[in-house]
Every structure is written in structure tokens, then in C-alpha cells.
Amino acid sequence: MKRLFLMGRSEAGKTSLTQALRGEKLHYHKTQYTYTDDDTIDTPGEYSESKQVGVGLACFSFESDVVALLIAANEPFTVFAQGCNNFLNRPFIGIITKINEPNANIPMVRQWLELSGCQRIFLVDNATGEGIPELRAYLAEDIPPITLEQAMERQRLGLTDWETTPAGA
């Protein structure tokens, strides 16, 4: 399973998502420090909300296989800038949480995630489990190993390590 790095504002549902992915009963737990285990890295929302410690997110991302930006469907604004994936060298996905909230605005949050540079977007509800199997399936996909030469060729073409080389390139 890919190791998942979670970043997002406070109350976006990062810790609840880790509990839902493990099949645990959801219980509130305020993340006050970066918590890591074999398959997730859960960060405090304050890291995303403060530029003084936000750079730490980039450092933690190097320990993961995929970086996920979480935004709750009922968020009134986003703190993430367009193209904020530029500091990453990992696949960058978006996860929209709280999709069943009465004031959810999924199209707006999807647009924020697309502008941030997310290559794939998942819609989940941690409480009901909706969307969790699709996210689990994505995380279970194997990461194909590549050689140093293949990585250098992809870099020469302006591709990331995880993108396939176009035919005839």
C-alpha cells in the first residue's frame, strides 16, 4: 500500500480519514503533532494555516508515496494557492471530505483542488464510508519501479517519475 501524506486545514477530516481507511470506529482526536505510521502521515491543520510552519509540510512529504490535499466540501474558502503542488515530487491527489453535509459545495471545492494541481480527486464521507473503497483501491495499486536512466529520461522530457513516457519520445 502506498504511504499517504495528508495535509489540509483544521477540521478537514484528516485524522477521521485515517481512521476510516483502517476500518476503525471514528472518534475525535485533535492532531497536535505530525503522526506517522506504516501507511499514513497525518499533520496538524495549523501547518497548512501558517506559513511559519507550512514549509514543514514539504519536508514531511518526502517520506510518502503520495500526497493528499484534503478540503471539506463545506469549507467557505481555501488556504491553498494555485499550483501549490510545485514543491512536490510525489503524486498529488485531492480528497473532498464531508460530501454529505447540507452546505456542501463539491463543484467549488473540486475547482480549488484542480487549480492546486491535484491529478486525481476522490469524494469521501468518513462517517458513512462513502468513497473510502475507491481511495483504498488507489492506495493499494503498486508503484512500478523505474531505473535511474528511466527517471532521467522522464526528467529530460519534463515528466514526473510516475508519469508514463509518451510513445515515440
C-alpha atoms as a PDB file:
ATOM      1  CA  MET A   1       0.000   0.000   0.000  1.00  0.00           C
ATOM      2  CA  LYS A   2       1.216   3.491  -0.810  1.00  0.00           C
ATOM      3  CA  ARG A   3       2.161   5.662   2.143  1.00  0.00           C
ATOM      4  CA  LEU A   4      -0.278   8.581   2.229  1.00  0.00           C
ATOM      5  CA  PHE A   5       0.680  12.082   3.377  1.00  0.00           C
ATOM      6  CA  LEU A   6      -2.334  14.168   4.471  1.00  0.00           C
ATOM      7  CA  MET A   7      -2.439  17.944   4.567  1.00  0.00           C
ATOM      8  CA  GLY A   8      -5.367  20.281   4.981  1.00  0.00           C
ATOM      9  CA  ARG A   9      -6.924  22.851   7.272  1.00  0.00           C
ATOM     10  CA  SER A  10      -8.033  22.058  10.803  1.00  0.00           C
ATOM     11  CA  GLU A  11     -11.299  20.086  10.895  1.00  0.00           C
ATOM     12  CA  ALA A  12     -10.939  18.984   7.250  1.00  0.00           C
ATOM     13  CA  GLY A  13     -11.167  15.336   8.299  1.00  0.00           C
ATOM     14  CA  LYS A  14      -7.558  14.132   8.016  1.00  0.00           C
ATOM     15  CA  THR A  15      -7.486  12.080  11.223  1.00  0.00           C
ATOM     16  CA  SER A  16     -11.014  10.775  10.642  1.00  0.00           C
ATOM     17  CA  LEU A  17      -9.939   9.676   7.170  1.00  0.00           C
ATOM     18  CA  THR A  18      -7.034   7.668   8.587  1.00  0.00           C
ATOM     19  CA  GLN A  19      -9.477   6.002  10.996  1.00  0.00           C
ATOM     20  CA  ALA A  20     -11.954   5.281   8.154  1.00  0.00           C
ATOM     21  CA  LEU A  21      -9.210   3.834   5.930  1.00  0.00           C
ATOM     22  CA  ARG A  22      -8.267   1.443   8.747  1.00  0.00           C
ATOM     23  CA  GLY A  23     -11.905   0.483   9.333  1.00  0.00           C
ATOM     24  CA  GLU A  24     -11.822   1.907  12.860  1.00  0.00           C
ATOM     25  CA  LYS A  25     -14.728   3.497  14.658  1.00  0.00           C
ATOM     26  CA  LEU A  26     -14.462   7.276  14.222  1.00  0.00           C
ATOM     27  CA  HIS A  27     -13.584   9.251  17.314  1.00  0.00           C
ATOM     28  CA  TYR A  28     -12.423  12.836  17.572  1.00  0.00           C
ATOM     29  CA  HIS A  29      -8.738  13.261  18.221  1.00  0.00           C
ATOM     30  CA  LYS A  30      -7.020  16.620  17.794  1.00  0.00           C
ATOM     31  CA  THR A  31      -3.748  16.120  15.946  1.00  0.00           C
ATOM     32  CA  GLN A  32      -1.213  18.315  17.713  1.00  0.00           C
ATOM     33  CA  TYR A  33       1.923  16.928  16.126  1.00  0.00           C
ATOM     34  CA  THR A  34       2.796  15.048  12.962  1.00  0.00           C
ATOM     35  CA  TYR A  35       1.702  11.459  13.444  1.00  0.00           C
ATOM     36  CA  THR A  36       3.203   8.727  11.270  1.00  0.00           C
ATOM     37  CA  ASP A  37       2.646   5.007  10.931  1.00  0.00           C
ATOM     38  CA  ASP A  38       3.301   2.457   8.210  1.00  0.00           C
ATOM     39  CA  ASP A  39       0.738   3.818   5.752  1.00  0.00           C
ATOM     40  CA  THR A  40      -0.152   7.419   6.705  1.00  0.00           C
ATOM     41  CA  ILE A  41       1.396  10.693   7.765  1.00  0.00           C
ATOM     42  CA  ASP A  42      -1.202  12.884   9.484  1.00  0.00           C
ATOM     43  CA  THR A  43      -0.313  16.532  10.042  1.00  0.00           C
ATOM     44  CA  PRO A  44      -1.928  19.219  12.189  1.00  0.00           C
ATOM     45  CA  GLY A  45      -4.147  21.599  10.232  1.00  0.00           C
ATOM     46  CA  GLU A  46      -2.220  24.505  11.671  1.00  0.00           C
ATOM     47  CA  TYR A  47       0.722  23.539   9.450  1.00  0.00           C
ATOM     48  CA  SER A  48      -1.413  24.365   6.416  1.00  0.00           C
ATOM     49  CA  GLU A  49      -2.720  27.540   8.000  1.00  0.00           C
ATOM     50  CA  SER A  50       0.600  29.133   8.956  1.00  0.00           C
ATOM     51  CA  LYS A  51       3.448  29.995   6.628  1.00  0.00           C
ATOM     52  CA  GLN A  52       5.885  29.852   9.546  1.00  0.00           C
ATOM     53  CA  VAL A  53       5.479  26.071   9.853  1.00  0.00           C
ATOM     54  CA  GLY A  54       3.946  25.309   6.450  1.00  0.00           C
ATOM     55  CA  VAL A  55       7.345  24.633   4.923  1.00  0.00           C
ATOM     56  CA  GLY A  56       7.479  21.600   7.208  1.00  0.00           C
ATOM     57  CA  LEU A  57       4.799  20.042   5.005  1.00  0.00           C
ATOM     58  CA  ALA A  58       7.264  19.884   2.125  1.00  0.00           C
ATOM     59  CA  CYS A  59       9.807  18.125   4.329  1.00  0.00           C
ATOM     60  CA  PHE A  60       7.306  15.527   5.564  1.00  0.00           C
ATOM     61  CA  SER A  61       6.062  14.874   2.023  1.00  0.00           C
ATOM     62  CA  PHE A  62       9.381  13.259   1.089  1.00  0.00           C
ATOM     63  CA  GLU A  63       8.562  10.367   3.438  1.00  0.00           C
ATOM     64  CA  SER A  64       5.411   9.455   1.481  1.00  0.00           C
ATOM     65  CA  ASP A  65       4.462   7.791  -1.789  1.00  0.00           C
ATOM     66  CA  VAL A  66       1.508  10.086  -2.497  1.00  0.00           C
ATOM     67  CA  VAL A  67       0.468  13.496  -1.128  1.00  0.00           C
ATOM     68  CA  ALA A  68      -3.206  14.225  -0.479  1.00  0.00           C
ATOM     69  CA  LEU A  69      -4.722  17.666  -0.082  1.00  0.00           C
ATOM     70  CA  LEU A  70      -7.950  17.446   1.930  1.00  0.00           C
ATOM     71  CA  ILE A  71     -10.628  20.095   1.762  1.00  0.00           C
ATOM     72  CA  ALA A  72     -14.037  19.667   3.387  1.00  0.00           C
ATOM     73  CA  ALA A  73     -16.967  20.118   0.993  1.00  0.00           C
ATOM     74  CA  ASN A  74     -18.442  22.758   3.300  1.00  0.00           C
ATOM     75  CA  GLU A  75     -15.316  24.949   3.502  1.00  0.00           C
ATOM     76  CA  PRO A  76     -16.066  28.626   2.769  1.00  0.00           C
ATOM     77  CA  PHE A  77     -12.537  29.289   1.424  1.00  0.00           C
ATOM     78  CA  THR A  78      -9.221  27.590   0.737  1.00  0.00           C
ATOM     79  CA  VAL A  79      -5.766  28.477   2.032  1.00  0.00           C
ATOM     80  CA  PHE A  80      -4.038  26.608  -0.794  1.00  0.00           C
ATOM     81  CA  ALA A  81      -2.733  28.585  -3.753  1.00  0.00           C
ATOM     82  CA  GLN A  82      -2.984  27.641  -7.390  1.00  0.00           C
ATOM     83  CA  GLY A  83      -0.131  25.347  -8.354  1.00  0.00           C
ATOM     84  CA  CYS A  84       0.797  24.606  -4.756  1.00  0.00           C
ATOM     85  CA  ASN A  85       1.919  21.172  -5.943  1.00  0.00           C
ATOM     86  CA  ASN A  86       5.075  22.724  -7.409  1.00  0.00           C
ATOM     87  CA  PHE A  87       7.114  21.946  -4.302  1.00  0.00           C
ATOM     88  CA  LEU A  88       6.278  18.229  -4.526  1.00  0.00           C
ATOM     89  CA  ASN A  89       7.998  15.357  -6.218  1.00  0.00           C
ATOM     90  CA  ARG A  90       5.220  12.906  -5.398  1.00  0.00           C
ATOM     91  CA  PRO A  91       1.822  12.217  -6.988  1.00  0.00           C
ATOM     92  CA  PHE A  92      -0.636  14.848  -5.714  1.00  0.00           C
ATOM     93  CA  ILE A  93      -4.270  13.891  -5.162  1.00  0.00           C
ATOM     94  CA  GLY A  94      -7.231  15.778  -3.778  1.00  0.00           C
ATOM     95  CA  ILE A  95      -9.745  14.417  -1.316  1.00  0.00           C
ATOM     96  CA  ILE A  96     -13.061  16.164  -0.745  1.00  0.00           C
ATOM     97  CA  THR A  97     -14.400  15.195   2.677  1.00  0.00           C
ATOM     98  CA  LYS A  98     -17.778  15.798   4.323  1.00  0.00           C
ATOM     99  CA  ILE A  99     -19.538  15.379   0.969  1.00  0.00           C
ATOM    100  CA  ASN A 100     -22.929  14.748   2.593  1.00  0.00           C
ATOM    101  CA  GLU A 101     -23.006  17.929   4.665  1.00  0.00           C
ATOM    102  CA  PRO A 102     -26.099  20.075   3.968  1.00  0.00           C
ATOM    103  CA  ASN A 103     -23.999  23.075   2.899  1.00  0.00           C
ATOM    104  CA  ALA A 104     -21.525  21.080   0.780  1.00  0.00           C
ATOM    105  CA  ASN A 105     -20.332  22.788  -2.396  1.00  0.00           C
ATOM    106  CA  ILE A 106     -18.489  19.992  -4.183  1.00  0.00           C
ATOM    107  CA  PRO A 107     -18.056  21.768  -7.570  1.00  0.00           C
ATOM    108  CA  MET A 108     -16.344  24.731  -5.882  1.00  0.00           C
ATOM    109  CA  VAL A 109     -14.002  22.520  -3.819  1.00  0.00           C
ATOM    110  CA  ARG A 110     -13.239  20.379  -6.886  1.00  0.00           C
ATOM    111  CA  GLN A 111     -12.207  23.554  -8.732  1.00  0.00           C
ATOM    112  CA  TRP A 112      -9.904  24.565  -5.866  1.00  0.00           C
ATOM    113  CA  LEU A 113      -8.244  21.139  -5.918  1.00  0.00           C
ATOM    114  CA  GLU A 114      -7.839  21.173  -9.694  1.00  0.00           C
ATOM    115  CA  LEU A 115      -6.269  24.649  -9.567  1.00  0.00           C
ATOM    116  CA  SER A 116      -3.933  23.453  -6.800  1.00  0.00           C
ATOM    117  CA  GLY A 117      -2.619  20.818  -9.203  1.00  0.00           C
ATOM    118  CA  CYS A 118      -4.319  17.635  -7.975  1.00  0.00           C
ATOM    119  CA  GLN A 119      -4.047  14.920 -10.599  1.00  0.00           C
ATOM    120  CA  ARG A 120      -6.943  12.870  -9.223  1.00  0.00           C
ATOM    121  CA  ILE A 121      -9.798  13.782  -6.878  1.00  0.00           C
ATOM    122  CA  PHE A 122     -11.682  11.481  -4.507  1.00  0.00           C
ATOM    123  CA  LEU A 123     -15.004  12.269  -2.814  1.00  0.00           C
ATOM    124  CA  VAL A 124     -15.396  10.689   0.620  1.00  0.00           C
ATOM    125  CA  ASP A 125     -17.604  10.741   3.669  1.00  0.00           C
ATOM    126  CA  ASN A 126     -15.621   9.401   6.609  1.00  0.00           C
ATOM    127  CA  ALA A 127     -18.742   8.796   8.723  1.00  0.00           C
ATOM    128  CA  THR A 128     -20.669   6.731   6.152  1.00  0.00           C
ATOM    129  CA  GLY A 129     -17.646   5.213   4.391  1.00  0.00           C
ATOM    130  CA  GLU A 130     -18.748   6.537   1.005  1.00  0.00           C
ATOM    131  CA  GLY A 131     -15.762   6.798  -1.348  1.00  0.00           C
ATOM    132  CA  ILE A 132     -13.389   5.005   1.043  1.00  0.00           C
ATOM    133  CA  PRO A 133     -13.188   1.778  -1.059  1.00  0.00           C
ATOM    134  CA  GLU A 134     -12.161   3.761  -4.160  1.00  0.00           C
ATOM    135  CA  LEU A 135      -9.438   5.573  -2.232  1.00  0.00           C
ATOM    136  CA  ARG A 136      -8.239   2.295  -0.685  1.00  0.00           C
ATOM    137  CA  ALA A 137      -8.080   0.708  -4.160  1.00  0.00           C
ATOM    138  CA  TYR A 138      -5.967   3.624  -5.441  1.00  0.00           C
ATOM    139  CA  LEU A 139      -3.606   3.333  -2.476  1.00  0.00           C
ATOM    140  CA  ALA A 140      -3.299  -0.433  -2.992  1.00  0.00           C
ATOM    141  CA  GLU A 141      -2.071  -0.043  -6.586  1.00  0.00           C
ATOM    142  CA  ASP A 142       1.568  -0.972  -6.944  1.00  0.00           C
ATOM    143  CA  ILE A 143       4.094   1.693  -7.747  1.00  0.00           C
ATOM    144  CA  PRO A 144       6.078   0.410 -10.721  1.00  0.00           C
ATOM    145  CA  PRO A 145       9.809   0.622 -10.086  1.00  0.00           C
ATOM    146  CA  ILE A 146      11.882   2.582 -12.566  1.00  0.00           C
ATOM    147  CA  THR A 147      15.593   2.710 -13.172  1.00  0.00           C
ATOM    148  CA  LEU A 148      17.748   5.785 -12.764  1.00  0.00           C
ATOM    149  CA  GLU A 149      18.022   6.006 -16.554  1.00  0.00           C
ATOM    150  CA  GLN A 150      14.225   5.947 -16.912  1.00  0.00           C
ATOM    151  CA  ALA A 151      13.882   8.661 -14.264  1.00  0.00           C
ATOM    152  CA  MET A 152      16.480  10.819 -16.018  1.00  0.00           C
ATOM    153  CA  GLU A 153      14.703  10.364 -19.378  1.00  0.00           C
ATOM    154  CA  ARG A 154      11.368  11.384 -17.852  1.00  0.00           C
ATOM    155  CA  GLN A 155      13.024  14.394 -16.284  1.00  0.00           C
ATOM    156  CA  ARG A 156      14.523  15.353 -19.666  1.00  0.00           C
ATOM    157  CA  LEU A 157      11.008  15.221 -21.148  1.00  0.00           C
ATOM    158  CA  GLY A 158       9.606  17.350 -18.322  1.00  0.00           C
ATOM    159  CA  LEU A 159       7.631  14.466 -16.836  1.00  0.00           C
ATOM    160  CA  THR A 160       7.348  13.285 -13.266  1.00  0.00           C
ATOM    161  CA  ASP A 161       8.661   9.890 -12.144  1.00  0.00           C
ATOM    162  CA  TRP A 162       5.159   8.415 -12.007  1.00  0.00           C
ATOM    163  CA  GLU A 163       4.022   9.569 -15.473  1.00  0.00           C
ATOM    164  CA  THR A 164       4.467   7.178 -18.360  1.00  0.00           C
ATOM    165  CA  THR A 165       6.787   8.167 -21.164  1.00  0.00           C
ATOM    166  CA  PRO A 166       4.820   9.063 -24.291  1.00  0.00           C
ATOM    167  CA  ALA A 167       5.161   6.682 -27.236  1.00  0.00           C
ATOM    168  CA  GLY A 168       7.850   7.778 -29.681  1.00  0.00           C
ATOM    169  CA  ALA A 169       9.611  10.025 -27.167  1.00  0.00           C
END
